[in-house]
Amino acid sequence: DLMATYNVHHLIRNTFGQVPGGMFGADENARMGYIDPRQGTETCGFVEQMASDEFLLRITGDPFWAEHCEEVAFNSYPAAVMPDFKSLRYLTAPNHTVSDSENHHPGIDN
């Protein structure tokens, strides 16, 4: 059922959707208990979200998916990569104003 796709999209954003710019908070996994404003998103998550939106646009023809892809592409993804595209941030979090070389992982093995 195609409606399940929309339902899951909204469920994930209602649960983990504190990241502005169309994304939800998830490093390796979207985990309960890691839903505060410090939760970031992996760069690959931005790219995978945009790819999924593009596939769903092709399947459904619904501009909802194009709008969502555009929101991620112009508002979240640029913060994850350097202007020359030679490097990236593994995790991008809207409330982390400093990008440093320290290990800030949540203490789990993925």
PDB file of N, CA and C in Angstrom:
ATOM      1  N   ASP A   1       0.844  -1.178   0.000  1.00  0.00           N
ATOM      2  CA  ASP A   1       0.000   0.000   0.000  1.00  0.00           C
ATOM      3  C   ASP A   1       0.890   1.243   0.000  1.00  0.00           C
ATOM      4  N   LEU A   2       0.684   2.078  -0.982  1.00  0.00           N
ATOM      5  CA  LEU A   2       1.492   3.290  -1.112  1.00  0.00           C
ATOM      6  C   LEU A   2       1.267   4.259   0.054  1.00  0.00           C
ATOM      7  N   MET A   3       0.071   4.251   0.620  1.00  0.00           N
ATOM      8  CA  MET A   3      -0.217   5.148   1.744  1.00  0.00           C
ATOM      9  C   MET A   3       0.709   4.868   2.926  1.00  0.00           C
ATOM     10  N   ALA A   4       1.166   3.637   3.066  1.00  0.00           N
ATOM     11  CA  ALA A   4       2.094   3.292   4.150  1.00  0.00           C
ATOM     12  C   ALA A   4       3.385   4.087   4.033  1.00  0.00           C
ATOM     13  N   THR A   5       3.810   4.385   2.818  1.00  0.00           N
ATOM     14  CA  THR A   5       5.027   5.175   2.608  1.00  0.00           C
ATOM     15  C   THR A   5       4.875   6.564   3.211  1.00  0.00           C
ATOM     16  N   TYR A   6       3.748   7.193   2.952  1.00  0.00           N
ATOM     17  CA  TYR A   6       3.489   8.524   3.511  1.00  0.00           C
ATOM     18  C   TYR A   6       3.365   8.450   5.034  1.00  0.00           C
ATOM     19  N   ASN A   7       2.683   7.412   5.521  1.00  0.00           N
ATOM     20  CA  ASN A   7       2.502   7.261   6.970  1.00  0.00           C
ATOM     21  C   ASN A   7       3.835   7.103   7.690  1.00  0.00           C
ATOM     22  N   VAL A   8       4.731   6.282   7.147  1.00  0.00           N
ATOM     23  CA  VAL A   8       6.038   6.079   7.777  1.00  0.00           C
ATOM     24  C   VAL A   8       6.869   7.357   7.697  1.00  0.00           C
ATOM     25  N   HIS A   9       6.803   8.049   6.578  1.00  0.00           N
ATOM     26  CA  HIS A   9       7.517   9.325   6.437  1.00  0.00           C
ATOM     27  C   HIS A   9       7.109  10.277   7.569  1.00  0.00           C
ATOM     28  N   HIS A  10       5.806  10.409   7.779  1.00  0.00           N
ATOM     29  CA  HIS A  10       5.312  11.313   8.824  1.00  0.00           C
ATOM     30  C   HIS A  10       5.618  10.782  10.227  1.00  0.00           C
ATOM     31  N   LEU A  11       5.531   9.485  10.432  1.00  0.00           N
ATOM     32  CA  LEU A  11       5.844   8.896  11.738  1.00  0.00           C
ATOM     33  C   LEU A  11       7.297   9.166  12.129  1.00  0.00           C
ATOM     34  N   ILE A  12       8.223   8.938  11.211  1.00  0.00           N
ATOM     35  CA  ILE A  12       9.643   9.162  11.506  1.00  0.00           C
ATOM     36  C   ILE A  12       9.890  10.627  11.826  1.00  0.00           C
ATOM     37  N   ARG A  13       9.316  11.523  11.061  1.00  0.00           N
ATOM     38  CA  ARG A  13       9.537  12.946  11.315  1.00  0.00           C
ATOM     39  C   ARG A  13       8.859  13.412  12.596  1.00  0.00           C
ATOM     40  N   ASN A  14       7.726  12.832  12.937  1.00  0.00           N
ATOM     41  CA  ASN A  14       7.076  13.188  14.200  1.00  0.00           C
ATOM     42  C   ASN A  14       7.861  12.675  15.398  1.00  0.00           C
ATOM     43  N   THR A  15       8.576  11.568  15.237  1.00  0.00           N
ATOM     44  CA  THR A  15       9.336  10.983  16.337  1.00  0.00           C
ATOM     45  C   THR A  15      10.756  11.526  16.408  1.00  0.00           C
ATOM     46  N   PHE A  16      11.451  11.592  15.285  1.00  0.00           N
ATOM     47  CA  PHE A  16      12.866  11.962  15.254  1.00  0.00           C
ATOM     48  C   PHE A  16      13.122  13.233  14.450  1.00  0.00           C
ATOM     49  N   GLY A  17      12.080  13.972  14.125  1.00  0.00           N
ATOM     50  CA  GLY A  17      12.202  15.061  13.162  1.00  0.00           C
ATOM     51  C   GLY A  17      12.603  16.408  13.695  1.00  0.00           C
ATOM     52  N   GLN A  18      13.468  16.453  14.688  1.00  0.00           N
ATOM     53  CA  GLN A  18      13.872  17.734  15.250  1.00  0.00           C
ATOM     54  C   GLN A  18      14.947  18.426  14.433  1.00  0.00           C
ATOM     55  N   VAL A  19      15.455  17.806  13.379  1.00  0.00           N
ATOM     56  CA  VAL A  19      16.500  18.420  12.559  1.00  0.00           C
ATOM     57  C   VAL A  19      15.824  19.260  11.482  1.00  0.00           C
ATOM     58  N   PRO A  20      16.043  20.576  11.476  1.00  0.00           N
ATOM     59  CA  PRO A  20      15.423  21.397  10.440  1.00  0.00           C
ATOM     60  C   PRO A  20      15.988  21.064   9.063  1.00  0.00           C
ATOM     61  N   GLY A  21      15.300  21.474   8.050  1.00  0.00           N
ATOM     62  CA  GLY A  21      15.777  21.254   6.696  1.00  0.00           C
ATOM     63  C   GLY A  21      15.334  19.940   6.105  1.00  0.00           C
ATOM     64  N   GLY A  22      14.258  19.350   6.649  1.00  0.00           N
ATOM     65  CA  GLY A  22      13.682  18.161   6.052  1.00  0.00           C
ATOM     66  C   GLY A  22      14.184  16.833   6.573  1.00  0.00           C
ATOM     67  N   MET A  23      15.123  16.843   7.492  1.00  0.00           N
ATOM     68  CA  MET A  23      15.703  15.583   7.957  1.00  0.00           C
ATOM     69  C   MET A  23      15.239  15.237   9.363  1.00  0.00           C
ATOM     70  N   PHE A  24      15.598  14.032   9.764  1.00  0.00           N
ATOM     71  CA  PHE A  24      15.323  13.548  11.115  1.00  0.00           C
ATOM     72  C   PHE A  24      16.651  13.184  11.750  1.00  0.00           C
ATOM     73  N   GLY A  25      16.686  13.128  13.066  1.00  0.00           N
ATOM     74  CA  GLY A  25      17.924  12.839  13.770  1.00  0.00           C
ATOM     75  C   GLY A  25      18.234  11.357  13.784  1.00  0.00           C
ATOM     76  N   ALA A  26      19.363  10.989  13.191  1.00  0.00           N
ATOM     77  CA  ALA A  26      19.799   9.594  13.204  1.00  0.00           C
ATOM     78  C   ALA A  26      21.262   9.558  12.823  1.00  0.00           C
ATOM     79  N   ASP A  27      22.078   8.957  13.694  1.00  0.00           N
ATOM     80  CA  ASP A  27      23.474   8.783  13.293  1.00  0.00           C
ATOM     81  C   ASP A  27      23.556   7.447  12.565  1.00  0.00           C
ATOM     82  N   GLU A  28      23.824   6.353  13.236  1.00  0.00           N
ATOM     83  CA  GLU A  28      23.770   5.054  12.564  1.00  0.00           C
ATOM     84  C   GLU A  28      22.353   4.494  12.578  1.00  0.00           C
ATOM     85  N   ASN A  29      21.601   4.842  13.600  1.00  0.00           N
ATOM     86  CA  ASN A  29      20.233   4.357  13.757  1.00  0.00           C
ATOM     87  C   ASN A  29      19.375   5.486  14.298  1.00  0.00           C
ATOM     88  N   ALA A  30      18.086   5.437  14.027  1.00  0.00           N
ATOM     89  CA  ALA A  30      17.140   6.313  14.703  1.00  0.00           C
ATOM     90  C   ALA A  30      16.746   5.573  15.976  1.00  0.00           C
ATOM     91  N   ARG A  31      17.184   6.084  17.133  1.00  0.00           N
ATOM     92  CA  ARG A  31      16.985   5.374  18.401  1.00  0.00           C
ATOM     93  C   ARG A  31      16.167   6.217  19.371  1.00  0.00           C
ATOM     94  N   MET A  32      15.242   5.570  20.038  1.00  0.00           N
ATOM     95  CA  MET A  32      14.509   6.255  21.097  1.00  0.00           C
ATOM     96  C   MET A  32      15.515   6.679  22.161  1.00  0.00           C
ATOM     97  N   GLY A  33      15.287   7.837  22.728  1.00  0.00           N
ATOM     98  CA  GLY A  33      16.208   8.361  23.726  1.00  0.00           C
ATOM     99  C   GLY A  33      17.242   9.300  23.124  1.00  0.00           C
ATOM    100  N   TYR A  34      17.379   9.280  21.820  1.00  0.00           N
ATOM    101  CA  TYR A  34      18.295  10.194  21.129  1.00  0.00           C
ATOM    102  C   TYR A  34      17.476  11.077  20.199  1.00  0.00           C
ATOM    103  N   ILE A  35      16.583  11.851  20.808  1.00  0.00           N
ATOM    104  CA  ILE A  35      15.679  12.676  20.014  1.00  0.00           C
ATOM    105  C   ILE A  35      15.746  14.152  20.402  1.00  0.00           C
ATOM    106  N   ASP A  36      16.773  14.531  21.147  1.00  0.00           N
ATOM    107  CA  ASP A  36      16.871  15.926  21.558  1.00  0.00           C
ATOM    108  C   ASP A  36      17.516  16.764  20.449  1.00  0.00           C
ATOM    109  N   PRO A  37      17.523  18.084  20.607  1.00  0.00           N
ATOM    110  CA  PRO A  37      18.039  18.963  19.551  1.00  0.00           C
ATOM    111  C   PRO A  37      19.524  18.803  19.247  1.00  0.00           C
ATOM    112  N   ARG A  38      20.256  18.045  20.077  1.00  0.00           N
ATOM    113  CA  ARG A  38      21.675  17.829  19.786  1.00  0.00           C
ATOM    114  C   ARG A  38      21.893  16.678  18.817  1.00  0.00           C
ATOM    115  N   GLN A  39      20.865  15.905  18.544  1.00  0.00           N
ATOM    116  CA  GLN A  39      21.002  14.747  17.666  1.00  0.00           C
ATOM    117  C   GLN A  39      21.285  15.199  16.237  1.00  0.00           C
ATOM    118  N   GLY A  40      22.286  14.614  15.655  1.00  0.00           N
ATOM    119  CA  GLY A  40      22.658  14.967  14.291  1.00  0.00           C
ATOM    120  C   GLY A  40      22.237  13.910  13.291  1.00  0.00           C
ATOM    121  N   THR A  41      22.614  14.149  12.055  1.00  0.00           N
ATOM    122  CA  THR A  41      22.317  13.237  10.957  1.00  0.00           C
ATOM    123  C   THR A  41      23.596  12.983  10.179  1.00  0.00           C
ATOM    124  N   GLU A  42      23.801  11.743   9.755  1.00  0.00           N
ATOM    125  CA  GLU A  42      24.971  11.415   8.947  1.00  0.00           C
ATOM    126  C   GLU A  42      24.835  12.010   7.549  1.00  0.00           C
ATOM    127  N   THR A  43      25.965  12.342   6.971  1.00  0.00           N
ATOM    128  CA  THR A  43      25.958  12.861   5.605  1.00  0.00           C
ATOM    129  C   THR A  43      25.321  11.859   4.653  1.00  0.00           C
ATOM    130  N   CYS A  44      25.617  10.584   4.828  1.00  0.00           N
ATOM    131  CA  CYS A  44      25.013   9.577   3.941  1.00  0.00           C
ATOM    132  C   CYS A  44      23.498   9.543   4.112  1.00  0.00           C
ATOM    133  N   GLY A  45      22.996   9.918   5.292  1.00  0.00           N
ATOM    134  CA  GLY A  45      21.557   9.977   5.505  1.00  0.00           C
ATOM    135  C   GLY A  45      20.895  11.026   4.632  1.00  0.00           C
ATOM    136  N   PHE A  46      21.562  12.176   4.477  1.00  0.00           N
ATOM    137  CA  PHE A  46      21.026  13.213   3.586  1.00  0.00           C
ATOM    138  C   PHE A  46      20.926  12.678   2.159  1.00  0.00           C
ATOM    139  N   VAL A  47      22.006  12.047   1.710  1.00  0.00           N
ATOM    140  CA  VAL A  47      22.064  11.549   0.334  1.00  0.00           C
ATOM    141  C   VAL A  47      21.039  10.436   0.112  1.00  0.00           C
ATOM    142  N   GLU A  48      20.944   9.516   1.061  1.00  0.00           N
ATOM    143  CA  GLU A  48      19.973   8.427   0.929  1.00  0.00           C
ATOM    144  C   GLU A  48      18.541   8.949   0.956  1.00  0.00           C
ATOM    145  N   GLN A  49      18.287   9.971   1.775  1.00  0.00           N
ATOM    146  CA  GLN A  49      16.942  10.543   1.811  1.00  0.00           C
ATOM    147  C   GLN A  49      16.591  11.163   0.467  1.00  0.00           C
ATOM    148  N   MET A  50      17.527  11.910  -0.111  1.00  0.00           N
ATOM    149  CA  MET A  50      17.265  12.528  -1.413  1.00  0.00           C
ATOM    150  C   MET A  50      17.046  11.464  -2.486  1.00  0.00           C
ATOM    151  N   ALA A  51      17.831  10.389  -2.466  1.00  0.00           N
ATOM    152  CA  ALA A  51      17.655   9.307  -3.445  1.00  0.00           C
ATOM    153  C   ALA A  51      16.283   8.648  -3.280  1.00  0.00           C
ATOM    154  N   SER A  52      15.879   8.412  -2.041  1.00  0.00           N
ATOM    155  CA  SER A  52      14.563   7.812  -1.789  1.00  0.00           C
ATOM    156  C   SER A  52      13.447   8.723  -2.276  1.00  0.00           C
ATOM    157  N   ASP A  53      13.586  10.020  -2.004  1.00  0.00           N
ATOM    158  CA  ASP A  53      12.583  10.979  -2.480  1.00  0.00           C
ATOM    159  C   ASP A  53      12.494  10.969  -4.003  1.00  0.00           C
ATOM    160  N   GLU A  54      13.641  10.875  -4.672  1.00  0.00           N
ATOM    161  CA  GLU A  54      13.644  10.845  -6.140  1.00  0.00           C
ATOM    162  C   GLU A  54      12.946   9.587  -6.666  1.00  0.00           C
ATOM    163  N   PHE A  55      13.215   8.436  -6.055  1.00  0.00           N
ATOM    164  CA  PHE A  55      12.543   7.201  -6.471  1.00  0.00           C
ATOM    165  C   PHE A  55      11.036   7.313  -6.265  1.00  0.00           C
ATOM    166  N   LEU A  56      10.634   7.837  -5.103  1.00  0.00           N
ATOM    167  CA  LEU A  56       9.207   7.949  -4.820  1.00  0.00           C
ATOM    168  C   LEU A  56       8.531   8.952  -5.745  1.00  0.00           C
ATOM    169  N   LEU A  57       9.232   9.993  -6.136  1.00  0.00           N
ATOM    170  CA  LEU A  57       8.682  10.940  -7.106  1.00  0.00           C
ATOM    171  C   LEU A  57       8.424  10.234  -8.439  1.00  0.00           C
ATOM    172  N   ARG A  58       9.388   9.418  -8.879  1.00  0.00           N
ATOM    173  CA  ARG A  58       9.216   8.681 -10.141  1.00  0.00           C
ATOM    174  C   ARG A  58       8.047   7.702 -10.072  1.00  0.00           C
ATOM    175  N   ILE A  59       7.899   7.056  -8.936  1.00  0.00           N
ATOM    176  CA  ILE A  59       6.841   6.050  -8.783  1.00  0.00           C
ATOM    177  C   ILE A  59       5.468   6.701  -8.684  1.00  0.00           C
ATOM    178  N   THR A  60       5.377   7.773  -7.877  1.00  0.00           N
ATOM    179  CA  THR A  60       4.066   8.354  -7.569  1.00  0.00           C
ATOM    180  C   THR A  60       3.703   9.559  -8.428  1.00  0.00           C
ATOM    181  N   GLY A  61       4.700  10.295  -8.883  1.00  0.00           N
ATOM    182  CA  GLY A  61       4.425  11.551  -9.574  1.00  0.00           C
ATOM    183  C   GLY A  61       3.977  12.653  -8.628  1.00  0.00           C
ATOM    184  N   ASP A  62       4.034  12.398  -7.331  1.00  0.00           N
ATOM    185  CA  ASP A  62       3.574  13.358  -6.322  1.00  0.00           C
ATOM    186  C   ASP A  62       4.662  14.390  -6.045  1.00  0.00           C
ATOM    187  N   PRO A  63       4.381  15.678  -6.251  1.00  0.00           N
ATOM    188  CA  PRO A  63       5.392  16.708  -5.998  1.00  0.00           C
ATOM    189  C   PRO A  63       5.820  16.808  -4.537  1.00  0.00           C
ATOM    190  N   PHE A  64       5.085  16.168  -3.634  1.00  0.00           N
ATOM    191  CA  PHE A  64       5.493  16.125  -2.226  1.00  0.00           C
ATOM    192  C   PHE A  64       6.933  15.647  -2.105  1.00  0.00           C
ATOM    193  N   TRP A  65       7.270  14.591  -2.867  1.00  0.00           N
ATOM    194  CA  TRP A  65       8.608  14.007  -2.775  1.00  0.00           C
ATOM    195  C   TRP A  65       9.659  14.933  -3.383  1.00  0.00           C
ATOM    196  N   ALA A  66       9.318  15.640  -4.434  1.00  0.00           N
ATOM    197  CA  ALA A  66      10.253  16.608  -5.029  1.00  0.00           C
ATOM    198  C   ALA A  66      10.517  17.750  -4.059  1.00  0.00           C
ATOM    199  N   GLU A  67       9.474  18.229  -3.412  1.00  0.00           N
ATOM    200  CA  GLU A  67       9.627  19.317  -2.444  1.00  0.00           C
ATOM    201  C   GLU A  67      10.491  18.882  -1.266  1.00  0.00           C
ATOM    202  N   HIS A  68      10.288  17.651  -0.816  1.00  0.00           N
ATOM    203  CA  HIS A  68      11.079  17.166   0.309  1.00  0.00           C
ATOM    204  C   HIS A  68      12.542  17.006  -0.086  1.00  0.00           C
ATOM    205  N   CYS A  69      12.784  16.469  -1.266  1.00  0.00           N
ATOM    206  CA  CYS A  69      14.157  16.318  -1.759  1.00  0.00           C
ATOM    207  C   CYS A  69      14.836  17.684  -1.855  1.00  0.00           C
ATOM    208  N   GLU A  70      14.109  18.657  -2.370  1.00  0.00           N
ATOM    209  CA  GLU A  70      14.651  20.010  -2.493  1.00  0.00           C
ATOM    210  C   GLU A  70      14.963  20.608  -1.122  1.00  0.00           C
ATOM    211  N   GLU A  71      14.087  20.372  -0.154  1.00  0.00           N
ATOM    212  CA  GLU A  71      14.319  20.897   1.196  1.00  0.00           C
ATOM    213  C   GLU A  71      15.619  20.349   1.781  1.00  0.00           C
ATOM    214  N   VAL A  72      15.845  19.053   1.637  1.00  0.00           N
ATOM    215  CA  VAL A  72      17.082  18.440   2.135  1.00  0.00           C
ATOM    216  C   VAL A  72      18.287  18.945   1.341  1.00  0.00           C
ATOM    217  N   ALA A  73      18.151  18.984   0.016  1.00  0.00           N
ATOM    218  CA  ALA A  73      19.272  19.362  -0.857  1.00  0.00           C
ATOM    219  C   ALA A  73      19.747  20.790  -0.620  1.00  0.00           C
ATOM    220  N   PHE A  74      18.837  21.696  -0.331  1.00  0.00           N
ATOM    221  CA  PHE A  74      19.219  23.098  -0.189  1.00  0.00           C
ATOM    222  C   PHE A  74      19.374  23.562   1.256  1.00  0.00           C
ATOM    223  N   ASN A  75      18.842  22.799   2.216  1.00  0.00           N
ATOM    224  CA  ASN A  75      18.879  23.263   3.600  1.00  0.00           C
ATOM    225  C   ASN A  75      19.711  22.406   4.544  1.00  0.00           C
ATOM    226  N   SER A  76      19.808  21.115   4.312  1.00  0.00           N
ATOM    227  CA  SER A  76      20.566  20.235   5.206  1.00  0.00           C
ATOM    228  C   SER A  76      21.898  19.811   4.615  1.00  0.00           C
ATOM    229  N   TYR A  77      21.866  19.295   3.397  1.00  0.00           N
ATOM    230  CA  TYR A  77      23.072  18.738   2.781  1.00  0.00           C
ATOM    231  C   TYR A  77      24.226  19.738   2.689  1.00  0.00           C
ATOM    232  N   PRO A  78      24.009  20.996   2.313  1.00  0.00           N
ATOM    233  CA  PRO A  78      25.153  21.920   2.193  1.00  0.00           C
ATOM    234  C   PRO A  78      25.943  22.103   3.492  1.00  0.00           C
ATOM    235  N   ALA A  79      25.299  21.949   4.635  1.00  0.00           N
ATOM    236  CA  ALA A  79      26.012  22.092   5.908  1.00  0.00           C
ATOM    237  C   ALA A  79      26.931  20.909   6.180  1.00  0.00           C
ATOM    238  N   ALA A  80      26.733  19.806   5.469  1.00  0.00           N
ATOM    239  CA  ALA A  80      27.504  18.588   5.714  1.00  0.00           C
ATOM    240  C   ALA A  80      28.778  18.496   4.881  1.00  0.00           C
ATOM    241  N   VAL A  81      28.884  19.304   3.850  1.00  0.00           N
ATOM    242  CA  VAL A  81      30.051  19.220   2.965  1.00  0.00           C
ATOM    243  C   VAL A  81      30.771  20.562   2.913  1.00  0.00           C
ATOM    244  N   MET A  82      32.050  20.496   2.650  1.00  0.00           N
ATOM    245  CA  MET A  82      32.829  21.715   2.489  1.00  0.00           C
ATOM    246  C   MET A  82      32.556  22.305   1.099  1.00  0.00           C
ATOM    247  N   PRO A  83      32.747  23.601   0.938  1.00  0.00           N
ATOM    248  CA  PRO A  83      32.446  24.236  -0.350  1.00  0.00           C
ATOM    249  C   PRO A  83      33.163  23.605  -1.541  1.00  0.00           C
ATOM    250  N   ASP A  84      34.358  23.064  -1.328  1.00  0.00           N
ATOM    251  CA  ASP A  84      35.093  22.452  -2.441  1.00  0.00           C
ATOM    252  C   ASP A  84      34.754  20.965  -2.621  1.00  0.00           C
ATOM    253  N   PHE A  85      33.871  20.429  -1.800  1.00  0.00           N
ATOM    254  CA  PHE A  85      33.441  19.026  -1.838  1.00  0.00           C
ATOM    255  C   PHE A  85      34.591  18.039  -1.651  1.00  0.00           C
ATOM    256  N   LYS A  86      35.692  18.479  -1.047  1.00  0.00           N
ATOM    257  CA  LYS A  86      36.822  17.583  -0.797  1.00  0.00           C
ATOM    258  C   LYS A  86      36.757  16.945   0.588  1.00  0.00           C
ATOM    259  N   SER A  87      35.847  17.409   1.420  1.00  0.00           N
ATOM    260  CA  SER A  87      35.689  16.824   2.746  1.00  0.00           C
ATOM    261  C   SER A  87      34.246  17.009   3.207  1.00  0.00           C
ATOM    262  N   LEU A  88      33.898  16.289   4.264  1.00  0.00           N
ATOM    263  CA  LEU A  88      32.546  16.378   4.798  1.00  0.00           C
ATOM    264  C   LEU A  88      32.568  16.159   6.297  1.00  0.00           C
ATOM    265  N   ARG A  89      31.465  16.467   6.919  1.00  0.00           N
ATOM    266  CA  ARG A  89      31.270  16.161   8.331  1.00  0.00           C
ATOM    267  C   ARG A  89      30.536  14.827   8.392  1.00  0.00           C
ATOM    268  N   TYR A  90      31.000  13.935   9.241  1.00  0.00           N
ATOM    269  CA  TYR A  90      30.316  12.645   9.373  1.00  0.00           C
ATOM    270  C   TYR A  90      28.908  12.855   9.922  1.00  0.00           C
ATOM    271  N   LEU A  91      28.794  13.679  10.960  1.00  0.00           N
ATOM    272  CA  LEU A  91      27.501  14.028  11.547  1.00  0.00           C
ATOM    273  C   LEU A  91      27.305  15.530  11.484  1.00  0.00           C
ATOM    274  N   THR A  92      26.115  15.940  11.120  1.00  0.00           N
ATOM    275  CA  THR A  92      25.766  17.352  11.105  1.00  0.00           C
ATOM    276  C   THR A  92      24.585  17.536  12.041  1.00  0.00           C
ATOM    277  N   ALA A  93      24.740  18.410  13.023  1.00  0.00           N
ATOM    278  CA  ALA A  93      23.677  18.681  13.985  1.00  0.00           C
ATOM    279  C   ALA A  93      23.417  20.184  14.011  1.00  0.00           C
ATOM    280  N   PRO A  94      22.160  20.595  13.955  1.00  0.00           N
ATOM    281  CA  PRO A  94      21.856  22.022  13.887  1.00  0.00           C
ATOM    282  C   PRO A  94      22.297  22.809  15.114  1.00  0.00           C
ATOM    283  N   ASN A  95      22.380  22.173  16.272  1.00  0.00           N
ATOM    284  CA  ASN A  95      22.750  22.894  17.486  1.00  0.00           C
ATOM    285  C   ASN A  95      24.191  22.669  17.902  1.00  0.00           C
ATOM    286  N   HIS A  96      24.997  22.097  17.041  1.00  0.00           N
ATOM    287  CA  HIS A  96      26.437  21.989  17.278  1.00  0.00           C
ATOM    288  C   HIS A  96      27.100  23.039  16.412  1.00  0.00           C
ATOM    289  N   THR A  97      27.537  24.090  17.053  1.00  0.00           N
ATOM    290  CA  THR A  97      28.067  25.216  16.290  1.00  0.00           C
ATOM    291  C   THR A  97      29.547  25.099  15.991  1.00  0.00           C
ATOM    292  N   VAL A  98      30.203  24.097  16.569  1.00  0.00           N
ATOM    293  CA  VAL A  98      31.638  23.922  16.353  1.00  0.00           C
ATOM    294  C   VAL A  98      31.874  22.553  15.726  1.00  0.00           C
ATOM    295  N   SER A  99      32.653  22.535  14.689  1.00  0.00           N
ATOM    296  CA  SER A  99      33.045  21.274  14.063  1.00  0.00           C
ATOM    297  C   SER A  99      34.484  21.007  14.466  1.00  0.00           C
ATOM    298  N   ASP A 100      34.708  19.933  15.225  1.00  0.00           N
ATOM    299  CA  ASP A 100      36.063  19.670  15.707  1.00  0.00           C
ATOM    300  C   ASP A 100      36.467  18.228  15.417  1.00  0.00           C
ATOM    301  N   SER A 101      37.640  17.858  15.842  1.00  0.00           N
ATOM    302  CA  SER A 101      38.153  16.515  15.569  1.00  0.00           C
ATOM    303  C   SER A 101      37.916  15.551  16.732  1.00  0.00           C
ATOM    304  N   GLU A 102      37.148  15.947  17.728  1.00  0.00           N
ATOM    305  CA  GLU A 102      36.882  15.094  18.884  1.00  0.00           C
ATOM    306  C   GLU A 102      35.857  14.012  18.549  1.00  0.00           C
ATOM    307  N   ASN A 103      35.931  12.904  19.285  1.00  0.00           N
ATOM    308  CA  ASN A 103      34.998  11.803  19.115  1.00  0.00           C
ATOM    309  C   ASN A 103      33.784  12.058  20.007  1.00  0.00           C
ATOM    310  N   HIS A 104      32.623  12.254  19.419  1.00  0.00           N
ATOM    311  CA  HIS A 104      31.403  12.540  20.169  1.00  0.00           C
ATOM    312  C   HIS A 104      30.363  11.428  20.010  1.00  0.00           C
ATOM    313  N   HIS A 105      30.796  10.209  19.698  1.00  0.00           N
ATOM    314  CA  HIS A 105      29.830   9.130  19.473  1.00  0.00           C
ATOM    315  C   HIS A 105      29.057   8.841  20.754  1.00  0.00           C
ATOM    316  N   PRO A 106      27.827   8.295  20.622  1.00  0.00           N
ATOM    317  CA  PRO A 106      26.988   8.071  21.798  1.00  0.00           C
ATOM    318  C   PRO A 106      27.358   6.840  22.614  1.00  0.00           C
ATOM    319  N   GLY A 107      28.475   6.208  22.351  1.00  0.00           N
ATOM    320  CA  GLY A 107      28.919   5.093  23.171  1.00  0.00           C
ATOM    321  C   GLY A 107      28.329   3.749  22.808  1.00  0.00           C
ATOM    322  N   ILE A 108      27.988   3.560  21.552  1.00  0.00           N
ATOM    323  CA  ILE A 108      27.462   2.267  21.118  1.00  0.00           C
ATOM    324  C   ILE A 108      28.284   1.765  19.942  1.00  0.00           C
ATOM    325  N   ASP A 109      28.252   0.466  19.747  1.00  0.00           N
ATOM    326  CA  ASP A 109      28.891  -0.134  18.576  1.00  0.00           C
ATOM    327  C   ASP A 109      27.828  -0.387  17.530  1.00  0.00           C
ATOM    328  N   ASN A 110      28.081   0.059  16.325  1.00  0.00           N
ATOM    329  CA  ASN A 110      27.104  -0.182  15.253  1.00  0.00           C
ATOM    330  C   ASN A 110      27.660  -1.170  14.282  1.00  0.00           C
TER     331      ASN A 110
END
